mmCIF file of all heavy atoms, coordinates in Angstrom:
data_MODEL
# 
_entry.id   MODEL 
# 
loop_
_atom_site.group_PDB 
_atom_site.id 
_atom_site.type_symbol 
_atom_site.label_atom_id 
_atom_site.label_alt_id 
_atom_site.label_comp_id 
_atom_site.label_asym_id 
_atom_site.label_entity_id 
_atom_site.label_seq_id 
_atom_site.pdbx_PDB_ins_code 
_atom_site.Cartn_x 
_atom_site.Cartn_y 
_atom_site.Cartn_z 
_atom_site.occupancy 
_atom_site.B_iso_or_equiv 
_atom_site.pdbx_formal_charge 
_atom_site.auth_seq_id 
_atom_site.auth_comp_id 
_atom_site.auth_asym_id 
_atom_site.auth_atom_id 
_atom_site.pdbx_PDB_model_num 
ATOM 1   N N   . ARG A 1 1  ? 0.816   -1.170 0.018   1.00 0.00 ? 1  ARG A N   1 
ATOM 2   C CA  . ARG A 1 1  ? -0.015  0.003  0.006   1.00 0.00 ? 1  ARG A CA  1 
ATOM 3   C C   . ARG A 1 1  ? 0.868   1.268  -0.008  1.00 0.00 ? 1  ARG A C   1 
ATOM 4   O O   . ARG A 1 1  ? 0.612   2.204  -0.751  1.00 0.00 ? 1  ARG A O   1 
ATOM 5   C CB  . ARG A 1 1  ? -0.942  0.007  1.180   1.00 0.00 ? 1  ARG A CB  1 
ATOM 6   C CG  . ARG A 1 1  ? -1.982  1.052  1.138   1.00 0.00 ? 1  ARG A CG  1 
ATOM 7   C CD  . ARG A 1 1  ? -3.044  0.836  2.213   1.00 0.00 ? 1  ARG A CD  1 
ATOM 8   N NE  . ARG A 1 1  ? -4.121  1.821  2.026   1.00 0.00 ? 1  ARG A NE  1 
ATOM 9   C CZ  . ARG A 1 1  ? -5.278  1.669  2.596   1.00 0.00 ? 1  ARG A CZ  1 
ATOM 10  N NH1 . ARG A 1 1  ? -5.547  0.651  3.350   1.00 0.00 ? 1  ARG A NH1 1 
ATOM 11  N NH2 . ARG A 1 1  ? -6.201  2.602  2.414   1.00 0.00 ? 1  ARG A NH2 1 
ATOM 12  N N   . GLU A 1 2  ? 1.894   1.256  0.820   1.00 0.00 ? 2  GLU A N   1 
ATOM 13  C CA  . GLU A 1 2  ? 2.800   2.442  0.924   1.00 0.00 ? 2  GLU A CA  1 
ATOM 14  C C   . GLU A 1 2  ? 3.629   2.625  -0.324  1.00 0.00 ? 2  GLU A C   1 
ATOM 15  O O   . GLU A 1 2  ? 3.815   3.739  -0.818  1.00 0.00 ? 2  GLU A O   1 
ATOM 16  C CB  . GLU A 1 2  ? 3.677   2.324  2.154   1.00 0.00 ? 2  GLU A CB  1 
ATOM 17  C CG  . GLU A 1 2  ? 2.930   2.464  3.448   1.00 0.00 ? 2  GLU A CG  1 
ATOM 18  C CD  . GLU A 1 2  ? 3.781   2.058  4.678   1.00 0.00 ? 2  GLU A CD  1 
ATOM 19  O OE1 . GLU A 1 2  ? 4.960   1.701  4.505   1.00 0.00 ? 2  GLU A OE1 1 
ATOM 20  O OE2 . GLU A 1 2  ? 3.281   2.164  5.798   1.00 0.00 ? 2  GLU A OE2 1 
ATOM 21  N N   . ARG A 1 3  ? 4.150   1.550  -0.835  1.00 0.00 ? 3  ARG A N   1 
ATOM 22  C CA  . ARG A 1 3  ? 5.141   1.608  -1.920  1.00 0.00 ? 3  ARG A CA  1 
ATOM 23  C C   . ARG A 1 3  ? 4.524   1.657  -3.331  1.00 0.00 ? 3  ARG A C   1 
ATOM 24  O O   . ARG A 1 3  ? 5.044   2.286  -4.211  1.00 0.00 ? 3  ARG A O   1 
ATOM 25  C CB  . ARG A 1 3  ? 6.101   0.432  -1.801  1.00 0.00 ? 3  ARG A CB  1 
ATOM 26  C CG  . ARG A 1 3  ? 7.259   0.560  -2.652  1.00 0.00 ? 3  ARG A CG  1 
ATOM 27  C CD  . ARG A 1 3  ? 8.339   -0.475 -2.372  1.00 0.00 ? 3  ARG A CD  1 
ATOM 28  N NE  . ARG A 1 3  ? 9.079   -0.017 -1.177  1.00 0.00 ? 3  ARG A NE  1 
ATOM 29  C CZ  . ARG A 1 3  ? 10.087  -0.713 -0.642  1.00 0.00 ? 3  ARG A CZ  1 
ATOM 30  N NH1 . ARG A 1 3  ? 10.416  -1.835 -1.172  1.00 0.00 ? 3  ARG A NH1 1 
ATOM 31  N NH2 . ARG A 1 3  ? 10.701  -0.247 0.432   1.00 0.00 ? 3  ARG A NH2 1 
ATOM 32  N N   . TYR A 1 4  ? 3.413   0.934  -3.531  1.00 0.00 ? 4  TYR A N   1 
ATOM 33  C CA  . TYR A 1 4  ? 2.865   0.796  -4.868  1.00 0.00 ? 4  TYR A CA  1 
ATOM 34  C C   . TYR A 1 4  ? 1.515   1.442  -5.089  1.00 0.00 ? 4  TYR A C   1 
ATOM 35  O O   . TYR A 1 4  ? 1.107   1.629  -6.249  1.00 0.00 ? 4  TYR A O   1 
ATOM 36  C CB  . TYR A 1 4  ? 2.808   -0.697 -5.233  1.00 0.00 ? 4  TYR A CB  1 
ATOM 37  C CG  . TYR A 1 4  ? 4.147   -1.335 -5.245  1.00 0.00 ? 4  TYR A CG  1 
ATOM 38  C CD1 . TYR A 1 4  ? 4.559   -2.163 -4.192  1.00 0.00 ? 4  TYR A CD1 1 
ATOM 39  C CD2 . TYR A 1 4  ? 5.025   -1.179 -6.299  1.00 0.00 ? 4  TYR A CD2 1 
ATOM 40  C CE1 . TYR A 1 4  ? 5.824   -2.750 -4.203  1.00 0.00 ? 4  TYR A CE1 1 
ATOM 41  C CE2 . TYR A 1 4  ? 6.268   -1.764 -6.317  1.00 0.00 ? 4  TYR A CE2 1 
ATOM 42  C CZ  . TYR A 1 4  ? 6.683   -2.526 -5.253  1.00 0.00 ? 4  TYR A CZ  1 
ATOM 43  O OH  . TYR A 1 4  ? 7.886   -3.114 -5.285  1.00 0.00 ? 4  TYR A OH  1 
ATOM 44  N N   . ILE A 1 5  ? 0.771   1.733  -4.056  1.00 0.00 ? 5  ILE A N   1 
ATOM 45  C CA  . ILE A 1 5  ? -0.589  2.246  -4.207  1.00 0.00 ? 5  ILE A CA  1 
ATOM 46  C C   . ILE A 1 5  ? -0.707  3.707  -4.127  1.00 0.00 ? 5  ILE A C   1 
ATOM 47  O O   . ILE A 1 5  ? -1.505  4.338  -4.809  1.00 0.00 ? 5  ILE A O   1 
ATOM 48  C CB  . ILE A 1 5  ? -1.522  1.560  -3.188  1.00 0.00 ? 5  ILE A CB  1 
ATOM 49  C CG1 . ILE A 1 5  ? -1.565  0.064  -3.391  1.00 0.00 ? 5  ILE A CG1 1 
ATOM 50  C CG2 . ILE A 1 5  ? -2.928  2.135  -3.252  1.00 0.00 ? 5  ILE A CG2 1 
ATOM 51  C CD1 . ILE A 1 5  ? -2.058  -0.380 -4.732  1.00 0.00 ? 5  ILE A CD1 1 
ATOM 52  N N   . ARG A 1 6  ? 0.108   4.344  -3.306  1.00 0.00 ? 6  ARG A N   1 
ATOM 53  C CA  . ARG A 1 6  ? -0.030  5.783  -3.036  1.00 0.00 ? 6  ARG A CA  1 
ATOM 54  C C   . ARG A 1 6  ? -0.120  6.628  -4.336  1.00 0.00 ? 6  ARG A C   1 
ATOM 55  O O   . ARG A 1 6  ? -1.024  7.401  -4.505  1.00 0.00 ? 6  ARG A O   1 
ATOM 56  C CB  . ARG A 1 6  ? 1.156   6.262  -2.178  1.00 0.00 ? 6  ARG A CB  1 
ATOM 57  C CG  . ARG A 1 6  ? 0.994   7.676  -1.701  1.00 0.00 ? 6  ARG A CG  1 
ATOM 58  C CD  . ARG A 1 6  ? 2.019   8.042  -0.683  1.00 0.00 ? 6  ARG A CD  1 
ATOM 59  N NE  . ARG A 1 6  ? 1.833   7.246  0.511   1.00 0.00 ? 6  ARG A NE  1 
ATOM 60  C CZ  . ARG A 1 6  ? 2.807   6.823  1.287   1.00 0.00 ? 6  ARG A CZ  1 
ATOM 61  N NH1 . ARG A 1 6  ? 4.032   7.108  1.015   1.00 0.00 ? 6  ARG A NH1 1 
ATOM 62  N NH2 . ARG A 1 6  ? 2.559   6.071  2.324   1.00 0.00 ? 6  ARG A NH2 1 
ATOM 63  N N   . ASP A 1 7  ? 0.814   6.427  -5.277  1.00 0.00 ? 7  ASP A N   1 
ATOM 64  C CA  . ASP A 1 7  ? 0.795   7.193  -6.493  1.00 0.00 ? 7  ASP A CA  1 
ATOM 65  C C   . ASP A 1 7  ? -0.401  6.851  -7.387  1.00 0.00 ? 7  ASP A C   1 
ATOM 66  O O   . ASP A 1 7  ? -0.938  7.741  -8.081  1.00 0.00 ? 7  ASP A O   1 
ATOM 67  C CB  . ASP A 1 7  ? 2.071   6.996  -7.282  1.00 0.00 ? 7  ASP A CB  1 
ATOM 68  C CG  . ASP A 1 7  ? 3.276   7.653  -6.600  1.00 0.00 ? 7  ASP A CG  1 
ATOM 69  O OD1 . ASP A 1 7  ? 3.049   8.579  -5.809  1.00 0.00 ? 7  ASP A OD1 1 
ATOM 70  O OD2 . ASP A 1 7  ? 4.398   7.289  -6.909  1.00 0.00 ? 7  ASP A OD2 1 
ATOM 71  N N   . LYS A 1 8  ? -0.840  5.615  -7.338  1.00 0.00 ? 8  LYS A N   1 
ATOM 72  C CA  . LYS A 1 8  ? -1.986  5.217  -8.130  1.00 0.00 ? 8  LYS A CA  1 
ATOM 73  C C   . LYS A 1 8  ? -3.270  5.923  -7.620  1.00 0.00 ? 8  LYS A C   1 
ATOM 74  O O   . LYS A 1 8  ? -4.100  6.371  -8.410  1.00 0.00 ? 8  LYS A O   1 
ATOM 75  C CB  . LYS A 1 8  ? -2.184  3.696  -8.086  1.00 0.00 ? 8  LYS A CB  1 
ATOM 76  C CG  . LYS A 1 8  ? -1.110  2.939  -8.819  1.00 0.00 ? 8  LYS A CG  1 
ATOM 77  C CD  . LYS A 1 8  ? -1.251  1.465  -8.623  1.00 0.00 ? 8  LYS A CD  1 
ATOM 78  C CE  . LYS A 1 8  ? -0.291  0.579  -9.313  1.00 0.00 ? 8  LYS A CE  1 
ATOM 79  N NZ  . LYS A 1 8  ? 0.925   1.072  -9.897  1.00 0.00 ? 8  LYS A NZ  1 
ATOM 80  N N   . LEU A 1 9  ? -3.408  6.033  -6.318  1.00 0.00 ? 9  LEU A N   1 
ATOM 81  C CA  . LEU A 1 9  ? -4.587  6.687  -5.777  1.00 0.00 ? 9  LEU A CA  1 
ATOM 82  C C   . LEU A 1 9  ? -4.584  8.208  -6.097  1.00 0.00 ? 9  LEU A C   1 
ATOM 83  O O   . LEU A 1 9  ? -5.658  8.779  -6.260  1.00 0.00 ? 9  LEU A O   1 
ATOM 84  C CB  . LEU A 1 9  ? -4.678  6.456  -4.249  1.00 0.00 ? 9  LEU A CB  1 
ATOM 85  C CG  . LEU A 1 9  ? -4.905  5.039  -3.793  1.00 0.00 ? 9  LEU A CG  1 
ATOM 86  C CD1 . LEU A 1 9  ? -4.907  4.984  -2.284  1.00 0.00 ? 9  LEU A CD1 1 
ATOM 87  C CD2 . LEU A 1 9  ? -6.188  4.466  -4.377  1.00 0.00 ? 9  LEU A CD2 1 
ATOM 88  N N   . LYS A 1 10 ? -3.457  8.735  -6.215  1.00 0.00 ? 10 LYS A N   1 
ATOM 89  C CA  . LYS A 1 10 ? -3.349  10.213 -6.602  1.00 0.00 ? 10 LYS A CA  1 
ATOM 90  C C   . LYS A 1 10 ? -3.909  10.463 -7.972  1.00 0.00 ? 10 LYS A C   1 
ATOM 91  O O   . LYS A 1 10 ? -4.370  11.581 -8.269  1.00 0.00 ? 10 LYS A O   1 
ATOM 92  C CB  . LYS A 1 10 ? -1.867  10.695 -6.536  1.00 0.00 ? 10 LYS A CB  1 
ATOM 93  C CG  . LYS A 1 10 ? -1.393  10.829 -5.118  1.00 0.00 ? 10 LYS A CG  1 
ATOM 94  C CD  . LYS A 1 10 ? 0.042   11.325 -5.105  1.00 0.00 ? 10 LYS A CD  1 
ATOM 95  C CE  . LYS A 1 10 ? 0.543   11.419 -3.679  1.00 0.00 ? 10 LYS A CE  1 
ATOM 96  N NZ  . LYS A 1 10 ? 1.949   11.786 -3.582  1.00 0.00 ? 10 LYS A NZ  1 
ATOM 97  N N   . ILE A 1 11 ? -3.917  9.470  -8.823  1.00 0.00 ? 11 ILE A N   1 
ATOM 98  C CA  . ILE A 1 11 ? -4.532  9.602  -10.182 1.00 0.00 ? 11 ILE A CA  1 
ATOM 99  C C   . ILE A 1 11 ? -5.966  10.024 -10.032 1.00 0.00 ? 11 ILE A C   1 
ATOM 100 O O   . ILE A 1 11 ? -6.460  10.842 -10.808 1.00 0.00 ? 11 ILE A O   1 
ATOM 101 C CB  . ILE A 1 11 ? -4.374  8.299  -10.979 1.00 0.00 ? 11 ILE A CB  1 
ATOM 102 C CG1 . ILE A 1 11 ? -2.941  7.977  -11.280 1.00 0.00 ? 11 ILE A CG1 1 
ATOM 103 C CG2 . ILE A 1 11 ? -5.234  8.355  -12.272 1.00 0.00 ? 11 ILE A CG2 1 
ATOM 104 C CD1 . ILE A 1 11 ? -2.658  6.611  -11.888 1.00 0.00 ? 11 ILE A CD1 1 
ATOM 105 N N   . LEU A 1 12 ? -6.673  9.478  -9.018  1.00 0.00 ? 12 LEU A N   1 
ATOM 106 C CA  . LEU A 1 12 ? -8.100  9.764  -8.861  1.00 0.00 ? 12 LEU A CA  1 
ATOM 107 C C   . LEU A 1 12 ? -8.344  11.199 -8.432  1.00 0.00 ? 12 LEU A C   1 
ATOM 108 O O   . LEU A 1 12 ? -9.467  11.666 -8.429  1.00 0.00 ? 12 LEU A O   1 
ATOM 109 C CB  . LEU A 1 12 ? -8.747  8.766  -7.888  1.00 0.00 ? 12 LEU A CB  1 
ATOM 110 C CG  . LEU A 1 12 ? -8.750  7.336  -8.353  1.00 0.00 ? 12 LEU A CG  1 
ATOM 111 C CD1 . LEU A 1 12 ? -9.281  6.427  -7.256  1.00 0.00 ? 12 LEU A CD1 1 
ATOM 112 C CD2 . LEU A 1 12 ? -9.585  7.225  -9.615  1.00 0.00 ? 12 LEU A CD2 1 
ATOM 113 N N   . GLU A 1 13 ? -7.295  11.940 -8.045  1.00 0.00 ? 13 GLU A N   1 
ATOM 114 C CA  . GLU A 1 13 ? -7.432  13.311 -7.621  1.00 0.00 ? 13 GLU A CA  1 
ATOM 115 C C   . GLU A 1 13 ? -7.134  14.267 -8.768  1.00 0.00 ? 13 GLU A C   1 
ATOM 116 O O   . GLU A 1 13 ? -7.252  15.482 -8.606  1.00 0.00 ? 13 GLU A O   1 
ATOM 117 C CB  . GLU A 1 13 ? -6.472  13.595 -6.440  1.00 0.00 ? 13 GLU A CB  1 
ATOM 118 C CG  . GLU A 1 13 ? -6.848  12.753 -5.235  1.00 0.00 ? 13 GLU A CG  1 
ATOM 119 C CD  . GLU A 1 13 ? -5.826  12.904 -4.084  1.00 0.00 ? 13 GLU A CD  1 
ATOM 120 O OE1 . GLU A 1 13 ? -4.702  13.501 -4.321  1.00 0.00 ? 13 GLU A OE1 1 
ATOM 121 O OE2 . GLU A 1 13 ? -6.132  12.386 -3.006  1.00 0.00 ? 13 GLU A OE2 1 
ATOM 122 N N   . GLU A 1 14 ? -6.738  13.730 -9.945  1.00 0.00 ? 14 GLU A N   1 
ATOM 123 C CA  . GLU A 1 14 ? -6.408  14.544 -11.060 1.00 0.00 ? 14 GLU A CA  1 
ATOM 124 C C   . GLU A 1 14 ? -7.660  15.184 -11.693 1.00 0.00 ? 14 GLU A C   1 
ATOM 125 O O   . GLU A 1 14 ? -8.775  14.634 -11.537 1.00 0.00 ? 14 GLU A O   1 
ATOM 126 C CB  . GLU A 1 14 ? -5.682  13.737 -12.144 1.00 0.00 ? 14 GLU A CB  1 
ATOM 127 C CG  . GLU A 1 14 ? -4.320  13.264 -11.700 1.00 0.00 ? 14 GLU A CG  1 
ATOM 128 C CD  . GLU A 1 14 ? -3.618  12.406 -12.754 1.00 0.00 ? 14 GLU A CD  1 
ATOM 129 O OE1 . GLU A 1 14 ? -4.176  12.183 -13.844 1.00 0.00 ? 14 GLU A OE1 1 
ATOM 130 O OE2 . GLU A 1 14 ? -2.536  11.919 -12.436 1.00 0.00 ? 14 GLU A OE2 1 
ATOM 131 N N   . ASP A 1 15 ? -7.489  16.290 -12.369 1.00 0.00 ? 15 ASP A N   1 
ATOM 132 C CA  . ASP A 1 15 ? -8.575  16.907 -13.108 1.00 0.00 ? 15 ASP A CA  1 
ATOM 133 C C   . ASP A 1 15 ? -8.696  16.202 -14.468 1.00 0.00 ? 15 ASP A C   1 
ATOM 134 O O   . ASP A 1 15 ? -7.747  15.646 -14.957 1.00 0.00 ? 15 ASP A O   1 
ATOM 135 C CB  . ASP A 1 15 ? -8.334  18.388 -13.305 1.00 0.00 ? 15 ASP A CB  1 
ATOM 136 C CG  . ASP A 1 15 ? -8.438  19.160 -12.014 1.00 0.00 ? 15 ASP A CG  1 
ATOM 137 O OD1 . ASP A 1 15 ? -9.244  18.772 -11.153 1.00 0.00 ? 15 ASP A OD1 1 
ATOM 138 O OD2 . ASP A 1 15 ? -7.681  20.129 -11.809 1.00 0.00 ? 15 ASP A OD2 1 
ATOM 139 N N   . GLY A 1 16 ? -9.852  16.278 -15.025 1.00 0.00 ? 16 GLY A N   1 
ATOM 140 C CA  . GLY A 1 16 ? -10.070 15.659 -16.350 1.00 0.00 ? 16 GLY A CA  1 
ATOM 141 C C   . GLY A 1 16 ? -11.394 14.991 -16.384 1.00 0.00 ? 16 GLY A C   1 
ATOM 142 O O   . GLY A 1 16 ? -12.120 14.880 -15.390 1.00 0.00 ? 16 GLY A O   1 
ATOM 143 N N   . HIS A 1 17 ? -11.767 14.530 -17.563 1.00 0.00 ? 17 HIS A N   1 
ATOM 144 C CA  . HIS A 1 17 ? -13.021 13.794 -17.730 1.00 0.00 ? 17 HIS A CA  1 
ATOM 145 C C   . HIS A 1 17 ? -12.965 12.525 -16.902 1.00 0.00 ? 17 HIS A C   1 
ATOM 146 O O   . HIS A 1 17 ? -11.921 11.808 -16.948 1.00 0.00 ? 17 HIS A O   1 
ATOM 147 C CB  . HIS A 1 17 ? -13.289 13.492 -19.173 1.00 0.00 ? 17 HIS A CB  1 
ATOM 148 C CG  . HIS A 1 17 ? -14.679 13.010 -19.443 1.00 0.00 ? 17 HIS A CG  1 
ATOM 149 N ND1 . HIS A 1 17 ? -15.050 11.733 -19.173 1.00 0.00 ? 17 HIS A ND1 1 
ATOM 150 C CD2 . HIS A 1 17 ? -15.779 13.690 -19.882 1.00 0.00 ? 17 HIS A CD2 1 
ATOM 151 C CE1 . HIS A 1 17 ? -16.327 11.583 -19.454 1.00 0.00 ? 17 HIS A CE1 1 
ATOM 152 N NE2 . HIS A 1 17 ? -16.814 12.806 -19.897 1.00 0.00 ? 17 HIS A NE2 1 
ATOM 153 N N   . PRO A 1 18 ? -14.012 12.170 -16.200 1.00 0.00 ? 18 PRO A N   1 
ATOM 154 C CA  . PRO A 1 18 ? -13.988 10.968 -15.373 1.00 0.00 ? 18 PRO A CA  1 
ATOM 155 C C   . PRO A 1 18 ? -13.552 9.714  -16.138 1.00 0.00 ? 18 PRO A C   1 
ATOM 156 O O   . PRO A 1 18 ? -12.776 8.927  -15.586 1.00 0.00 ? 18 PRO A O   1 
ATOM 157 C CB  . PRO A 1 18 ? -15.457 10.807 -14.906 1.00 0.00 ? 18 PRO A CB  1 
ATOM 158 C CG  . PRO A 1 18 ? -15.943 12.207 -14.883 1.00 0.00 ? 18 PRO A CG  1 
ATOM 159 C CD  . PRO A 1 18 ? -15.283 12.895 -16.039 1.00 0.00 ? 18 PRO A CD  1 
ATOM 160 N N   . LYS A 1 19 ? -13.995 9.545  -17.402 1.00 0.00 ? 19 LYS A N   1 
ATOM 161 C CA  . LYS A 1 19 ? -13.574 8.338  -18.092 1.00 0.00 ? 19 LYS A CA  1 
ATOM 162 C C   . LYS A 1 19 ? -12.050 8.283  -18.316 1.00 0.00 ? 19 LYS A C   1 
ATOM 163 O O   . LYS A 1 19 ? -11.454 7.221  -18.138 1.00 0.00 ? 19 LYS A O   1 
ATOM 164 C CB  . LYS A 1 19 ? -14.277 8.203  -19.441 1.00 0.00 ? 19 LYS A CB  1 
ATOM 165 C CG  . LYS A 1 19 ? -13.840 6.926  -20.137 1.00 0.00 ? 19 LYS A CG  1 
ATOM 166 C CD  . LYS A 1 19 ? -14.575 6.592  -21.390 1.00 0.00 ? 19 LYS A CD  1 
ATOM 167 C CE  . LYS A 1 19 ? -14.065 5.232  -21.893 1.00 0.00 ? 19 LYS A CE  1 
ATOM 168 N NZ  . LYS A 1 19 ? -14.586 4.847  -23.151 1.00 0.00 ? 19 LYS A NZ  1 
ATOM 169 N N   . GLU A 1 20 ? -11.447 9.386  -18.631 1.00 0.00 ? 20 GLU A N   1 
ATOM 170 C CA  . GLU A 1 20 ? -10.024 9.457  -18.876 1.00 0.00 ? 20 GLU A CA  1 
ATOM 171 C C   . GLU A 1 20 ? -9.279  9.180  -17.570 1.00 0.00 ? 20 GLU A C   1 
ATOM 172 O O   . GLU A 1 20 ? -8.298  8.419  -17.550 1.00 0.00 ? 20 GLU A O   1 
ATOM 173 C CB  . GLU A 1 20 ? -9.625  10.788 -19.438 1.00 0.00 ? 20 GLU A CB  1 
ATOM 174 C CG  . GLU A 1 20 ? -10.177 11.027 -20.831 1.00 0.00 ? 20 GLU A CG  1 
ATOM 175 C CD  . GLU A 1 20 ? -10.030 12.474 -21.307 1.00 0.00 ? 20 GLU A CD  1 
ATOM 176 O OE1 . GLU A 1 20 ? -9.419  13.303 -20.560 1.00 0.00 ? 20 GLU A OE1 1 
ATOM 177 O OE2 . GLU A 1 20 ? -10.556 12.777 -22.364 1.00 0.00 ? 20 GLU A OE2 1 
ATOM 178 N N   . VAL A 1 21 ? -9.687  9.796  -16.501 1.00 0.00 ? 21 VAL A N   1 
ATOM 179 C CA  . VAL A 1 21 ? -9.005  9.600  -15.211 1.00 0.00 ? 21 VAL A CA  1 
ATOM 180 C C   . VAL A 1 21 ? -9.204  8.169  -14.724 1.00 0.00 ? 21 VAL A C   1 
ATOM 181 O O   . VAL A 1 21 ? -8.259  7.533  -14.274 1.00 0.00 ? 21 VAL A O   1 
ATOM 182 C CB  . VAL A 1 21 ? -9.568  10.615 -14.132 1.00 0.00 ? 21 VAL A CB  1 
ATOM 183 C CG1 . VAL A 1 21 ? -8.994  10.320 -12.769 1.00 0.00 ? 21 VAL A CG1 1 
ATOM 184 C CG2 . VAL A 1 21 ? -9.295  12.021 -14.554 1.00 0.00 ? 21 VAL A CG2 1 
ATOM 185 N N   . LEU A 1 22 ? -10.407 7.636  -14.844 1.00 0.00 ? 22 LEU A N   1 
ATOM 186 C CA  . LEU A 1 22 ? -10.674 6.248  -14.435 1.00 0.00 ? 22 LEU A CA  1 
ATOM 187 C C   . LEU A 1 22 ? -9.890  5.238  -15.234 1.00 0.00 ? 22 LEU A C   1 
ATOM 188 O O   . LEU A 1 22 ? -9.279  4.312  -14.680 1.00 0.00 ? 22 LEU A O   1 
ATOM 189 C CB  . LEU A 1 22 ? -12.163 5.962  -14.520 1.00 0.00 ? 22 LEU A CB  1 
ATOM 190 C CG  . LEU A 1 22 ? -13.072 6.660  -13.526 1.00 0.00 ? 22 LEU A CG  1 
ATOM 191 C CD1 . LEU A 1 22 ? -14.504 6.555  -13.920 1.00 0.00 ? 22 LEU A CD1 1 
ATOM 192 C CD2 . LEU A 1 22 ? -12.838 6.149  -12.124 1.00 0.00 ? 22 LEU A CD2 1 
ATOM 193 N N   . THR A 1 23 ? -9.822  5.491  -16.525 1.00 0.00 ? 23 THR A N   1 
ATOM 194 C CA  . THR A 1 23 ? -9.050  4.557  -17.379 1.00 0.00 ? 23 THR A CA  1 
ATOM 195 C C   . THR A 1 23 ? -7.583  4.536  -16.987 1.00 0.00 ? 23 THR A C   1 
ATOM 196 O O   . THR A 1 23 ? -6.967  3.484  -16.838 1.00 0.00 ? 23 THR A O   1 
ATOM 197 C CB  . THR A 1 23 ? -9.229  4.917  -18.860 1.00 0.00 ? 23 THR A CB  1 
ATOM 198 O OG1 . THR A 1 23 ? -10.619 4.855  -19.188 1.00 0.00 ? 23 THR A OG1 1 
ATOM 199 C CG2 . THR A 1 23 ? -8.447  4.003  -19.769 1.00 0.00 ? 23 THR A CG2 1 
ATOM 200 N N   . LYS A 1 24 ? -7.030  5.746  -16.755 1.00 0.00 ? 24 LYS A N   1 
ATOM 201 C CA  . LYS A 1 24 ? -5.647  5.847  -16.342 1.00 0.00 ? 24 LYS A CA  1 
ATOM 202 C C   . LYS A 1 24 ? -5.374  5.143  -15.001 1.00 0.00 ? 24 LYS A C   1 
ATOM 203 O O   . LYS A 1 24 ? -4.414  4.442  -14.846 1.00 0.00 ? 24 LYS A O   1 
ATOM 204 C CB  . LYS A 1 24 ? -5.259  7.329  -16.213 1.00 0.00 ? 24 LYS A CB  1 
ATOM 205 C CG  . LYS A 1 24 ? -3.834  7.596  -15.836 1.00 0.00 ? 24 LYS A CG  1 
ATOM 206 C CD  . LYS A 1 24 ? -3.554  9.089  -15.854 1.00 0.00 ? 24 LYS A CD  1 
ATOM 207 C CE  . LYS A 1 24 ? -2.133  9.330  -15.376 1.00 0.00 ? 24 LYS A CE  1 
ATOM 208 N NZ  . LYS A 1 24 ? -1.848  10.810 -15.326 1.00 0.00 ? 24 LYS A NZ  1 
ATOM 209 N N   . PHE A 1 25 ? -6.354  5.271  -14.064 1.00 0.00 ? 25 PHE A N   1 
ATOM 210 C CA  . PHE A 1 25 ? -6.260  4.594  -12.772 1.00 0.00 ? 25 PHE A CA  1 
ATOM 211 C C   . PHE A 1 25 ? -6.251  3.115  -12.929 1.00 0.00 ? 25 PHE A C   1 
ATOM 212 O O   . PHE A 1 25 ? -5.366  2.434  -12.422 1.00 0.00 ? 25 PHE A O   1 
ATOM 213 C CB  . PHE A 1 25 ? -7.416  5.061  -11.894 1.00 0.00 ? 25 PHE A CB  1 
ATOM 214 C CG  . PHE A 1 25 ? -7.486  4.319  -10.570 1.00 0.00 ? 25 PHE A CG  1 
ATOM 215 C CD1 . PHE A 1 25 ? -6.519  4.501  -9.582  1.00 0.00 ? 25 PHE A CD1 1 
ATOM 216 C CD2 . PHE A 1 25 ? -8.560  3.455  -10.314 1.00 0.00 ? 25 PHE A CD2 1 
ATOM 217 C CE1 . PHE A 1 25 ? -6.619  3.791  -8.385  1.00 0.00 ? 25 PHE A CE1 1 
ATOM 218 C CE2 . PHE A 1 25 ? -8.652  2.757  -9.136  1.00 0.00 ? 25 PHE A CE2 1 
ATOM 219 C CZ  . PHE A 1 25 ? -7.666  2.927  -8.160  1.00 0.00 ? 25 PHE A CZ  1 
ATOM 220 N N   . TYR A 1 26 ? -7.227  2.538  -13.601 1.00 0.00 ? 26 TYR A N   1 
ATOM 221 C CA  . TYR A 1 26 ? -7.319  1.115  -13.800 1.00 0.00 ? 26 TYR A CA  1 
ATOM 222 C C   . TYR A 1 26 ? -6.079  0.555  -14.503 1.00 0.00 ? 26 TYR A C   1 
ATOM 223 O O   . TYR A 1 26 ? -5.498  -0.446 -14.102 1.00 0.00 ? 26 TYR A O   1 
ATOM 224 C CB  . TYR A 1 26 ? -8.557  0.683  -14.571 1.00 0.00 ? 26 TYR A CB  1 
ATOM 225 C CG  . TYR A 1 26 ? -9.833  0.849  -13.841 1.00 0.00 ? 26 TYR A CG  1 
ATOM 226 C CD1 . TYR A 1 26 ? -10.713 1.895  -14.118 1.00 0.00 ? 26 TYR A CD1 1 
ATOM 227 C CD2 . TYR A 1 26 ? -10.224 -0.072 -12.856 1.00 0.00 ? 26 TYR A CD2 1 
ATOM 228 C CE1 . TYR A 1 26 ? -11.928 2.042  -13.433 1.00 0.00 ? 26 TYR A CE1 1 
ATOM 229 C CE2 . TYR A 1 26 ? -11.405 0.082  -12.154 1.00 0.00 ? 26 TYR A CE2 1 
ATOM 230 C CZ  . TYR A 1 26 ? -12.291 1.120  -12.461 1.00 0.00 ? 26 TYR A CZ  1 
ATOM 231 O OH  . TYR A 1 26 ? -13.459 1.230  -11.765 1.00 0.00 ? 26 TYR A OH  1 
ATOM 232 N N   . LEU A 1 27 ? -5.673  1.182  -15.561 1.00 0.00 ? 27 LEU A N   1 
ATOM 233 C CA  . LEU A 1 27 ? -4.507  0.751  -16.352 1.00 0.00 ? 27 LEU A CA  1 
ATOM 234 C C   . LEU A 1 27 ? -3.218  0.836  -15.572 1.00 0.00 ? 27 LEU A C   1 
ATOM 235 O O   . LEU A 1 27 ? -2.296  0.070  -15.841 1.00 0.00 ? 27 LEU A O   1 
ATOM 236 C CB  . LEU A 1 27 ? -4.391  1.505  -17.670 1.00 0.00 ? 27 LEU A CB  1 
ATOM 237 C CG  . LEU A 1 27 ? -5.509  1.201  -18.693 1.00 0.00 ? 27 LEU A CG  1 
ATOM 238 C CD1 . LEU A 1 27 ? -5.303  2.065  -19.957 1.00 0.00 ? 27 LEU A CD1 1 
ATOM 239 C CD2 . LEU A 1 27 ? -5.516  -0.276 -19.052 1.00 0.00 ? 27 LEU A CD2 1 
# 
């Protein structure tokens, strides 16, 4: 969680269209 997840969760705080942000998060 500390080493691999933190940066991935930050993706969900980015601005942009939800589909683009969500796709980036999942991928």
